[in-house]
N, C-alpha and C. Protein backbone atom coordinates (compact mmCIF):
# COMPACT_ATOMS: atom_id res chain seq x y z
N MET A 1 11.02 -10.21 30.37
CA MET A 1 10.63 -9.05 29.58
C MET A 1 10.48 -9.07 28.21
N LYS A 2 9.53 -9.00 27.41
CA LYS A 2 9.64 -9.04 25.76
C LYS A 2 9.72 -7.57 25.50
N PHE A 3 10.38 -7.68 24.39
CA PHE A 3 10.67 -6.38 23.60
C PHE A 3 9.93 -6.68 22.13
N PHE A 4 9.25 -5.48 21.68
CA PHE A 4 8.63 -5.68 20.32
C PHE A 4 9.15 -4.59 19.57
N LEU A 5 9.58 -4.96 18.28
CA LEU A 5 9.90 -4.10 17.31
C LEU A 5 8.95 -3.36 16.84
N ARG A 6 8.85 -2.02 16.97
CA ARG A 6 7.51 -1.26 16.59
C ARG A 6 8.02 -0.90 14.85
N GLU A 7 7.00 -1.35 14.37
CA GLU A 7 6.92 -1.04 12.83
C GLU A 7 6.46 0.46 12.78
N LYS A 8 6.70 0.86 11.53
CA LYS A 8 6.20 2.44 11.21
C LYS A 8 4.65 2.12 10.58
N PRO A 9 3.83 3.05 10.75
CA PRO A 9 2.85 3.15 9.84
C PRO A 9 2.99 3.08 8.52
N MET A 10 2.11 2.73 7.64
CA MET A 10 2.21 2.55 6.15
C MET A 10 2.37 4.01 5.60
N ASP A 11 1.75 5.03 6.35
CA ASP A 11 1.94 6.38 5.58
C ASP A 11 3.30 7.07 5.77
N GLU A 12 3.98 6.43 6.62
CA GLU A 12 5.58 6.87 6.83
C GLU A 12 6.48 6.00 6.08
N LYS A 13 6.15 4.98 5.26
CA LYS A 13 6.72 4.09 4.55
C LYS A 13 6.66 4.52 2.96
N ARG A 14 7.80 4.38 2.20
CA ARG A 14 7.66 4.73 0.89
C ARG A 14 8.21 3.63 0.23
N PHE A 15 7.79 3.19 -0.87
CA PHE A 15 8.07 1.97 -1.82
C PHE A 15 8.61 2.54 -3.11
N TYR A 16 9.67 2.12 -3.43
CA TYR A 16 10.40 2.31 -4.76
C TYR A 16 10.49 1.04 -5.74
N HIS A 17 10.48 0.95 -7.11
CA HIS A 17 10.88 0.03 -7.99
C HIS A 17 11.76 0.43 -9.07
N CYS A 18 12.42 -0.26 -9.59
CA CYS A 18 13.26 -0.11 -10.65
C CYS A 18 12.53 -0.52 -11.81
N GLU A 19 12.56 0.19 -12.75
CA GLU A 19 11.72 -0.06 -14.25
C GLU A 19 12.57 -0.94 -15.04
N THR A 20 13.81 -1.05 -14.71
CA THR A 20 14.87 -1.93 -15.66
C THR A 20 14.75 -3.27 -14.91
N CYS A 21 14.89 -3.72 -13.92
CA CYS A 21 15.10 -4.78 -13.44
C CYS A 21 13.73 -5.57 -12.51
N GLY A 22 12.94 -4.51 -12.05
CA GLY A 22 11.79 -4.90 -11.26
C GLY A 22 11.88 -4.91 -9.82
N GLU A 23 13.35 -4.85 -9.33
CA GLU A 23 13.50 -4.52 -7.87
C GLU A 23 12.73 -3.85 -7.17
N GLN A 24 12.19 -4.02 -6.08
CA GLN A 24 11.37 -3.44 -5.34
C GLN A 24 11.76 -3.12 -3.77
N ILE A 25 11.93 -2.04 -3.27
CA ILE A 25 12.45 -1.69 -1.93
C ILE A 25 11.18 -0.85 -0.93
N GLU A 26 11.72 -0.98 0.08
CA GLU A 26 10.78 -0.21 1.08
C GLU A 26 11.76 0.70 1.91
N ILE A 27 11.45 2.22 2.03
CA ILE A 27 12.26 2.97 2.71
C ILE A 27 11.29 3.53 3.91
N THR A 28 12.04 3.40 4.90
CA THR A 28 11.29 3.99 6.46
C THR A 28 12.02 5.18 7.03
N GLU A 29 13.14 5.36 6.24
CA GLU A 29 13.82 6.76 7.03
C GLU A 29 13.26 8.10 6.41
N GLU A 30 13.13 8.81 7.28
CA GLU A 30 12.81 10.23 7.05
C GLU A 30 14.02 10.83 6.12
N ASN A 31 13.63 11.58 5.09
CA ASN A 31 14.49 12.53 4.39
C ASN A 31 15.75 11.63 3.61
N SER A 32 15.37 10.37 3.54
CA SER A 32 16.38 9.52 2.71
C SER A 32 16.38 9.96 1.23
N PRO A 33 17.54 9.91 0.65
CA PRO A 33 17.48 10.23 -0.96
C PRO A 33 16.81 9.06 -1.66
N VAL A 34 16.48 9.42 -2.90
CA VAL A 34 15.76 8.42 -3.83
C VAL A 34 16.95 7.30 -4.08
N PRO A 35 16.70 6.01 -4.08
CA PRO A 35 17.52 4.90 -4.02
C PRO A 35 17.85 4.73 -5.70
N GLU A 36 18.88 4.37 -5.91
CA GLU A 36 19.24 3.80 -7.19
C GLU A 36 19.39 2.31 -7.37
N CYS A 37 19.01 1.94 -8.60
CA CYS A 37 19.29 0.72 -9.40
C CYS A 37 19.61 0.70 -10.64
N CYS A 38 20.29 -0.19 -11.03
CA CYS A 38 20.89 -0.24 -12.27
C CYS A 38 21.17 0.99 -12.86
N ASN A 39 21.96 1.61 -12.22
CA ASN A 39 22.53 3.12 -12.47
C ASN A 39 21.31 4.29 -12.85
N GLN A 40 20.53 4.13 -12.26
CA GLN A 40 19.45 5.12 -12.51
C GLN A 40 18.48 5.22 -11.18
N PRO A 41 18.00 6.39 -10.95
CA PRO A 41 17.00 6.46 -9.84
C PRO A 41 15.90 5.72 -9.88
N MET A 42 15.45 5.04 -8.91
CA MET A 42 14.28 4.32 -8.70
C MET A 42 12.79 5.05 -8.74
N LYS A 43 12.01 4.64 -9.27
CA LYS A 43 10.52 5.36 -9.11
C LYS A 43 9.69 5.07 -7.93
N GLU A 44 9.15 6.15 -7.37
CA GLU A 44 8.30 5.83 -6.28
C GLU A 44 7.08 5.21 -6.71
N ALA A 45 6.57 3.95 -6.14
CA ALA A 45 5.46 3.38 -6.25
C ALA A 45 4.21 4.11 -5.88
N LYS A 46 3.16 4.01 -6.58
CA LYS A 46 1.98 5.00 -6.34
C LYS A 46 0.92 4.00 -5.88
N ASP A 47 -0.11 4.21 -5.56
CA ASP A 47 -1.26 3.54 -5.22
C ASP A 47 -1.85 2.82 -6.54
N LEU A 48 -2.21 1.63 -6.48
CA LEU A 48 -2.85 1.12 -7.77
C LEU A 48 -4.33 0.97 -7.52
N GLN A 49 -4.58 1.59 -8.50
CA GLN A 49 -6.45 1.70 -8.61
C GLN A 49 -6.92 0.31 -8.81
N SER A 50 -6.22 -0.63 -9.39
CA SER A 50 -6.76 -2.09 -9.42
C SER A 50 -6.83 -2.70 -8.00
N CYS A 51 -6.04 -2.18 -6.97
CA CYS A 51 -6.04 -2.73 -5.61
C CYS A 51 -7.30 -1.98 -4.77
N LEU A 52 -7.67 -0.94 -5.33
CA LEU A 52 -8.71 -0.03 -4.79
C LEU A 52 -10.00 -0.42 -5.16
N GLU A 53 -10.02 -0.75 -6.15
CA GLU A 53 -11.57 -1.14 -6.69
C GLU A 53 -11.76 -2.78 -6.98
N SER A 54 -13.12 -2.93 -7.08
CA SER A 54 -13.74 -4.21 -6.99
C SER A 54 -13.39 -4.71 -8.55
N SER A 55 -13.11 -5.90 -8.65
CA SER A 55 -13.24 -6.40 -10.07
C SER A 55 -14.48 -7.21 -10.51
N THR A 56 -15.36 -7.36 -9.60
CA THR A 56 -16.72 -7.80 -9.80
C THR A 56 -17.85 -7.04 -9.16
N ALA A 57 -18.91 -7.05 -9.82
CA ALA A 57 -20.11 -6.14 -9.28
C ALA A 57 -20.53 -6.74 -7.78
N GLU A 58 -20.29 -8.24 -7.81
CA GLU A 58 -20.71 -8.79 -6.51
C GLU A 58 -19.91 -8.20 -4.86
N HIS A 59 -18.59 -7.69 -5.48
CA HIS A 59 -17.68 -7.46 -4.44
C HIS A 59 -17.64 -5.80 -4.25
N SER A 60 -18.48 -5.00 -5.00
CA SER A 60 -18.31 -3.62 -4.94
C SER A 60 -19.21 -3.10 -3.84
N ARG A 61 -18.60 -1.93 -3.61
CA ARG A 61 -19.12 -1.23 -2.22
C ARG A 61 -20.15 -0.21 -2.75
N PHE A 62 -21.13 -0.11 -2.07
CA PHE A 62 -22.29 1.04 -2.39
C PHE A 62 -22.00 2.32 -1.46
N GLU A 63 -21.43 2.06 -0.38
CA GLU A 63 -21.52 3.11 0.52
C GLU A 63 -19.98 4.01 0.34
N GLN A 64 -19.72 4.79 1.14
CA GLN A 64 -18.38 5.49 1.23
C GLN A 64 -17.26 4.49 1.48
N SER A 65 -16.19 4.54 0.77
CA SER A 65 -15.08 3.73 0.99
C SER A 65 -14.42 3.79 2.22
N ASP A 66 -14.68 4.71 3.18
CA ASP A 66 -13.92 4.86 4.30
C ASP A 66 -15.02 4.33 5.45
N GLU A 67 -16.00 3.91 5.12
CA GLU A 67 -17.06 3.23 6.19
C GLU A 67 -16.79 1.76 6.12
N PRO A 68 -16.98 1.22 7.47
CA PRO A 68 -16.59 -0.32 7.35
C PRO A 68 -17.60 -1.07 6.57
N CYS A 69 -17.16 -2.33 6.24
CA CYS A 69 -17.90 -3.20 5.37
C CYS A 69 -19.10 -3.84 5.91
N ASP A 70 -20.03 -4.16 5.48
CA ASP A 70 -21.12 -4.89 5.98
C ASP A 70 -21.01 -6.27 5.52
N ASP A 71 -20.69 -7.14 6.66
CA ASP A 71 -20.48 -8.60 6.06
C ASP A 71 -22.08 -9.41 5.93
N GLY A 72 -23.00 -8.96 6.40
CA GLY A 72 -24.43 -9.43 6.33
C GLY A 72 -24.94 -9.91 7.54
N ARG A 73 -23.95 -9.92 8.62
CA ARG A 73 -24.30 -10.57 10.15
C ARG A 73 -25.18 -9.47 10.76
N SER A 74 -25.29 -8.35 10.33
CA SER A 74 -26.19 -7.61 11.30
C SER A 74 -27.68 -7.70 10.85
N GLY A 75 -28.09 -8.55 9.84
CA GLY A 75 -29.51 -8.79 9.47
C GLY A 75 -30.16 -7.69 8.58
N LYS A 76 -29.29 -6.50 8.33
CA LYS A 76 -29.72 -5.61 7.44
C LYS A 76 -29.58 -5.82 6.02
N ILE A 77 -30.59 -5.69 5.12
CA ILE A 77 -30.21 -5.91 3.77
C ILE A 77 -30.50 -4.59 2.99
């Protein structure tokens, strides 16, 4: 019998970083206090716009961002 460790979905995880030393941690426990590093509270990491947007016109999407990508195999242009 195999047992699998179930990971929490990304929306239940929180990511923090230290502005002093750059340490990054992931918190999966609900209602946990804000972690501290270098004797100060860590800052919660937010979504980075550079990760959500294309850096070149060739890779940009013209449809809604929640629709699946068209990889060109459908034959539609």
